[in-house]
């Protein structure tokens, strides 16, 4: 299964049919042609840097006895772009005002958007227990519940 990042455009309600769903996995086309892949995904600065590294590796390859380091630099560029390129794309969209609204783990992008849509439509409500304090999810900051016992991390604590 693959993790998919769901990004909503600036000012758009969620879910929106124009959300961008980005798979967080190895990009084969970025491995084959890193500079072209970066340009196609509008990552201008990254494409410029990759082009400079490619030119430098080509110039290094023309020096006698420096073929192996030049190939290593080229392979490193391809691997870094293939492994991190999709994260660079998500970061670039966030710099342009897009919001990361969901991370979904599933088989394909269409299913990821459907799961995101079903999560976004359900109302988020807090139930009020008898003691009058709302129950909080474990990911919310602050003290958990209002009882006499709790925990700090994995250590149980009894409050007086």
Protein backbone atom coordinates (compact mmCIF):
# COMPACT_ATOMS: atom_id res chain seq x y z
CA UNK A 1 0.00 0.00 0.00
CA UNK A 2 1.10 3.53 -0.73
CA UNK A 3 0.60 6.71 1.27
CA UNK A 4 -1.09 9.49 -0.69
CA UNK A 5 -0.91 13.17 0.23
CA UNK A 6 -4.12 15.09 -0.48
CA UNK A 7 -3.59 18.83 -1.00
CA UNK A 8 -6.42 21.34 -1.39
CA UNK A 9 -6.00 24.50 -3.44
CA UNK A 10 -6.00 27.87 -1.64
CA UNK A 11 -9.44 28.86 -0.41
CA UNK A 12 -11.13 25.70 -1.64
CA UNK A 13 -13.60 23.81 0.50
CA UNK A 14 -12.64 20.24 1.23
CA UNK A 15 -13.34 17.89 -0.45
CA UNK A 16 -12.85 19.56 -3.80
CA UNK A 17 -12.63 17.75 -7.13
CA UNK A 18 -9.52 19.80 -7.97
CA UNK A 19 -7.52 18.51 -4.99
CA UNK A 20 -4.08 17.19 -5.87
CA UNK A 21 -3.34 13.64 -4.78
CA UNK A 22 0.40 12.86 -4.66
CA UNK A 23 1.73 9.35 -4.11
CA UNK A 24 4.57 9.16 -1.61
CA UNK A 25 6.69 6.59 -3.44
CA UNK A 26 9.59 6.12 -5.86
CA UNK A 27 9.10 8.08 -9.11
CA UNK A 28 10.41 5.98 -12.00
CA UNK A 29 10.28 8.82 -14.54
CA UNK A 30 12.23 11.05 -12.15
CA UNK A 31 14.92 8.36 -12.03
CA UNK A 32 15.09 8.09 -15.83
CA UNK A 33 15.12 11.84 -16.60
CA UNK A 34 15.40 13.93 -13.42
CA UNK A 35 15.68 17.39 -14.98
CA UNK A 36 12.76 16.87 -17.37
CA UNK A 37 10.61 15.40 -14.57
CA UNK A 38 11.37 18.38 -12.33
CA UNK A 39 10.53 20.84 -15.12
CA UNK A 40 7.29 19.00 -15.93
CA UNK A 41 6.26 19.27 -12.25
CA UNK A 42 7.10 23.02 -12.16
CA UNK A 43 9.97 22.62 -9.70
CA UNK A 44 12.06 25.34 -11.31
CA UNK A 45 14.81 25.80 -8.70
CA UNK A 46 15.25 22.07 -8.21
CA UNK A 47 15.43 21.58 -11.99
CA UNK A 48 18.06 24.33 -12.29
CA UNK A 49 20.14 22.73 -9.52
CA UNK A 50 19.78 19.28 -11.10
CA UNK A 51 20.85 20.69 -14.48
CA UNK A 52 23.93 22.25 -12.88
CA UNK A 53 24.84 18.94 -11.22
CA UNK A 54 24.32 17.12 -14.53
CA UNK A 55 26.60 19.57 -16.37
CA UNK A 56 29.23 19.30 -13.62
CA UNK A 57 29.10 15.49 -13.77
CA UNK A 58 29.45 15.61 -17.57
CA UNK A 59 32.46 17.90 -17.32
CA UNK A 60 33.98 15.62 -14.68
CA UNK A 61 33.45 12.60 -16.94
CA UNK A 62 35.54 14.24 -19.67
CA UNK A 63 38.56 14.35 -17.33
CA UNK A 64 40.71 11.22 -17.74
CA UNK A 65 40.26 8.79 -14.85
CA UNK A 66 37.20 10.56 -13.40
CA UNK A 67 34.48 8.50 -15.10
CA UNK A 68 33.49 6.56 -11.95
CA UNK A 69 32.97 9.64 -9.72
CA UNK A 70 30.99 11.31 -12.52
CA UNK A 71 28.73 8.26 -12.86
CA UNK A 72 28.30 8.13 -9.07
CA UNK A 73 27.25 11.79 -8.99
CA UNK A 74 24.76 11.22 -11.83
CA UNK A 75 23.32 8.13 -10.15
CA UNK A 76 23.06 9.96 -6.82
CA UNK A 77 21.14 12.79 -8.53
CA UNK A 78 18.77 10.30 -10.14
CA UNK A 79 18.14 8.45 -6.86
CA UNK A 80 17.59 11.60 -4.81
CA UNK A 81 15.19 13.00 -7.38
CA UNK A 82 13.28 9.72 -7.67
CA UNK A 83 13.01 9.25 -3.90
CA UNK A 84 12.32 12.86 -2.84
CA UNK A 85 10.84 14.48 -5.94
CA UNK A 86 7.23 13.93 -4.96
CA UNK A 87 7.88 15.43 -1.51
CA UNK A 88 9.53 18.42 -3.20
CA UNK A 89 6.37 18.81 -5.29
CA UNK A 90 4.13 18.72 -2.20
CA UNK A 91 6.34 21.28 -0.46
CA UNK A 92 6.29 23.56 -3.50
CA UNK A 93 2.49 23.43 -3.61
CA UNK A 94 2.32 24.25 0.10
CA UNK A 95 4.61 27.26 -0.46
CA UNK A 96 2.11 28.42 -3.11
CA UNK A 97 -0.74 28.31 -0.57
CA UNK A 98 -2.08 24.79 -1.00
CA UNK A 99 -3.03 22.97 2.24
CA UNK A 100 -2.22 19.40 3.19
CA UNK A 101 -5.65 18.17 4.22
CA UNK A 102 -5.21 14.41 4.46
CA UNK A 103 -2.78 11.52 4.24
CA UNK A 104 -4.42 8.30 3.04
CA UNK A 105 -2.86 4.87 2.72
CA UNK A 106 -4.41 2.84 -0.10
CA UNK A 107 -3.76 1.16 -3.46
CA UNK A 108 -4.40 3.99 -5.96
CA UNK A 109 -5.01 7.74 -6.19
CA UNK A 110 -8.74 7.49 -7.03
CA UNK A 111 -9.42 5.39 -3.96
CA UNK A 112 -7.34 7.81 -1.87
CA UNK A 113 -9.51 10.73 -3.00
CA UNK A 114 -12.70 8.77 -2.29
CA UNK A 115 -11.50 7.92 1.23
CA UNK A 116 -10.51 11.56 1.80
CA UNK A 117 -13.94 12.71 0.60
CA UNK A 118 -15.73 10.34 2.96
CA UNK A 119 -13.56 11.51 5.90
CA UNK A 120 -14.10 15.18 5.10
CA UNK A 121 -17.90 14.88 4.89
CA UNK A 122 -18.34 13.22 8.32
CA UNK A 123 -18.88 15.80 11.07
CA UNK A 124 -16.30 15.87 13.85
CA UNK A 125 -18.12 15.97 17.19
CA UNK A 126 -16.94 15.67 20.78
CA UNK A 127 -19.11 13.67 23.14
CA UNK A 128 -19.81 15.14 26.58
CA UNK A 129 -19.49 12.61 29.40
CA UNK A 130 -21.27 12.84 32.75
CA UNK A 131 -18.47 14.85 34.41
CA UNK A 132 -19.03 17.74 31.96
CA UNK A 133 -15.57 17.66 30.41
CA UNK A 134 -15.23 16.79 26.72
CA UNK A 135 -13.37 13.64 25.74
CA UNK A 136 -10.26 14.47 23.74
CA UNK A 137 -8.52 12.36 21.17
CA UNK A 138 -5.01 11.17 22.10
CA UNK A 139 -3.47 13.50 19.51
CA UNK A 140 -4.91 16.70 20.99
CA UNK A 141 -2.65 18.68 23.32
CA UNK A 142 -3.39 19.10 26.99
CA UNK A 143 -4.42 16.72 29.74
CA UNK A 144 -6.34 13.66 28.69
CA UNK A 145 -9.75 13.41 30.32
CA UNK A 146 -10.51 14.60 33.80
CA UNK A 147 -10.04 11.48 35.91
CA UNK A 148 -7.72 10.77 38.79
CA UNK A 149 -5.34 8.69 36.68
CA UNK A 150 -3.53 9.43 33.47
CA UNK A 151 -0.16 9.02 31.90
CA UNK A 152 2.88 10.97 30.90
CA UNK A 153 4.01 9.26 27.73
CA UNK A 154 4.04 5.56 28.56
CA UNK A 155 4.36 6.07 32.35
CA UNK A 156 1.07 5.75 34.30
CA UNK A 157 0.51 8.58 36.78
CA UNK A 158 -2.01 8.87 39.62
CA UNK A 159 -3.16 12.43 40.31
CA UNK A 160 -4.17 13.55 43.80
